[in-house]
C-alpha atoms as a PDB file:
ATOM      1  CA  UNK A   1     -60.212  53.774 119.381  1.00  0.00           C
ATOM      2  CA  UNK A   2     -62.396  51.512 120.961  1.00  0.00           C
ATOM      3  CA  UNK A   3     -65.646  49.975 119.612  1.00  0.00           C
ATOM      4  CA  UNK A   4     -67.773  51.949 122.154  1.00  0.00           C
ATOM      5  CA  UNK A   5     -66.398  55.163 120.752  1.00  0.00           C
ATOM      6  CA  UNK A   6     -66.842  54.175 117.110  1.00  0.00           C
ATOM      7  CA  UNK A   7     -70.467  52.718 117.689  1.00  0.00           C
ATOM      8  CA  UNK A   8     -71.261  56.230 119.264  1.00  0.00           C
ATOM      9  CA  UNK A   9     -69.936  57.860 116.271  1.00  0.00           C
ATOM     10  CA  UNK A  10     -71.874  55.761 114.060  1.00  0.00           C
ATOM     11  CA  UNK A  11     -75.220  56.108 115.478  1.00  0.00           C
ATOM     12  CA  UNK A  12     -74.707  59.739 115.690  1.00  0.00           C
ATOM     13  CA  UNK A  13     -73.751  60.247 112.075  1.00  0.00           C
ATOM     14  CA  UNK A  14     -76.843  57.785 111.148  1.00  0.00           C
ATOM     15  CA  UNK A  15     -79.250  59.521 113.720  1.00  0.00           C
ATOM     16  CA  UNK A  16     -80.062  56.104 115.497  1.00  0.00           C
ATOM     17  CA  UNK A  17     -80.702  56.712 119.197  1.00  0.00           C
ATOM     18  CA  UNK A  18     -79.540  54.298 121.899  1.00  0.00           C
ATOM     19  CA  UNK A  19     -83.400  53.375 122.405  1.00  0.00           C
ATOM     20  CA  UNK A  20     -83.715  52.675 118.928  1.00  0.00           C
ATOM     21  CA  UNK A  21     -80.615  50.375 119.058  1.00  0.00           C
ATOM     22  CA  UNK A  22     -82.016  48.772 122.115  1.00  0.00           C
ATOM     23  CA  UNK A  23     -85.278  47.848 120.705  1.00  0.00           C
ATOM     24  CA  UNK A  24     -83.586  46.683 117.356  1.00  0.00           C
ATOM     25  CA  UNK A  25     -81.019  44.491 119.176  1.00  0.00           C
ATOM     26  CA  UNK A  26     -82.933  43.431 122.368  1.00  0.00           C
ATOM     27  CA  UNK A  27     -79.850  44.895 124.363  1.00  0.00           C
ATOM     28  CA  UNK A  28     -81.198  47.077 127.399  1.00  0.00           C
ATOM     29  CA  UNK A  29     -80.376  50.699 126.828  1.00  0.00           C
ATOM     30  CA  UNK A  30     -78.518  50.939 129.946  1.00  0.00           C
ATOM     31  CA  UNK A  31     -75.948  48.468 128.664  1.00  0.00           C
ATOM     32  CA  UNK A  32     -75.699  50.236 125.330  1.00  0.00           C
ATOM     33  CA  UNK A  33     -75.222  53.533 127.294  1.00  0.00           C
ATOM     34  CA  UNK A  34     -72.420  52.155 129.253  1.00  0.00           C
ATOM     35  CA  UNK A  35     -70.685  50.731 126.052  1.00  0.00           C
ATOM     36  CA  UNK A  36     -70.828  54.166 124.312  1.00  0.00           C
ATOM     37  CA  UNK A  37     -69.415  55.672 127.465  1.00  0.00           C
ATOM     38  CA  UNK A  38     -66.617  53.171 127.760  1.00  0.00           C
ATOM     39  CA  UNK A  39     -67.855  51.689 131.072  1.00  0.00           C
ATOM     40  CA  UNK A  40     -68.656  48.487 129.816  1.00  0.00           C
ATOM     41  CA  UNK A  41     -67.347  45.872 126.917  1.00  0.00           C
ATOM     42  CA  UNK A  42     -69.559  44.173 124.577  1.00  0.00           C
ATOM     43  CA  UNK A  43     -69.537  40.438 124.425  1.00  0.00           C
ATOM     44  CA  UNK A  44     -68.986  38.869 121.139  1.00  0.00           C
ATOM     45  CA  UNK A  45     -72.513  37.926 120.835  1.00  0.00           C
ATOM     46  CA  UNK A  46     -73.610  41.344 121.511  1.00  0.00           C
ATOM     47  CA  UNK A  47     -71.533  42.738 119.174  1.00  0.00           C
ATOM     48  CA  UNK A  48     -72.737  40.577 116.492  1.00  0.00           C
ATOM     49  CA  UNK A  49     -76.213  41.148 117.038  1.00  0.00           C
ATOM     50  CA  UNK A  50     -75.637  44.973 117.003  1.00  0.00           C
ATOM     51  CA  UNK A  51     -73.648  44.551 113.655  1.00  0.00           C
ATOM     52  CA  UNK A  52     -76.419  42.473 112.174  1.00  0.00           C
ATOM     53  CA  UNK A  53     -79.271  44.914 113.433  1.00  0.00           C
ATOM     54  CA  UNK A  54     -77.416  47.753 111.723  1.00  0.00           C
ATOM     55  CA  UNK A  55     -76.977  45.843 108.603  1.00  0.00           C
ATOM     56  CA  UNK A  56     -73.108  46.142 109.003  1.00  0.00           C
ATOM     57  CA  UNK A  57     -70.592  43.462 108.528  1.00  0.00           C
ATOM     58  CA  UNK A  58     -68.630  42.363 111.822  1.00  0.00           C
ATOM     59  CA  UNK A  59     -65.553  43.992 111.041  1.00  0.00           C
ATOM     60  CA  UNK A  60     -66.828  47.650 110.622  1.00  0.00           C
ATOM     61  CA  UNK A  61     -65.457  48.672 114.263  1.00  0.00           C
ATOM     62  CA  UNK A  62     -62.830  46.204 114.631  1.00  0.00           C
ATOM     63  CA  UNK A  63     -59.066  46.801 114.408  1.00  0.00           C
ATOM     64  CA  UNK A  64     -56.280  44.361 114.430  1.00  0.00           C
ATOM     65  CA  UNK A  65     -54.031  44.578 117.309  1.00  0.00           C
ATOM     66  CA  UNK A  66     -50.258  43.395 117.547  1.00  0.00           C
ATOM     67  CA  UNK A  67     -49.633  40.903 120.556  1.00  0.00           C
ATOM     68  CA  UNK A  68     -48.110  42.802 123.525  1.00  0.00           C
ATOM     69  CA  UNK A  69     -44.919  40.237 123.435  1.00  0.00           C
ATOM     70  CA  UNK A  70     -44.067  41.867 120.033  1.00  0.00           C
ATOM     71  CA  UNK A  71     -44.477  45.382 121.166  1.00  0.00           C
ATOM     72  CA  UNK A  72     -42.262  44.805 124.151  1.00  0.00           C
ATOM     73  CA  UNK A  73     -39.546  42.974 122.202  1.00  0.00           C
END
């Protein structure tokens, strides 16, 4: 599951709107909307800002991934 989908689910459960997150983070509503739809990726800085604004640790929406060369072997 990607970060945008996890973030969308979190915001829905917490009843936080995209506009609220935009105001808190300083990231435009259009960028947030695109991230939540999976049409845009967050930069590391944007991700850190969002986690800070939501009072969440940075690992909240992340999953470790195995390198491709290990998968193909």
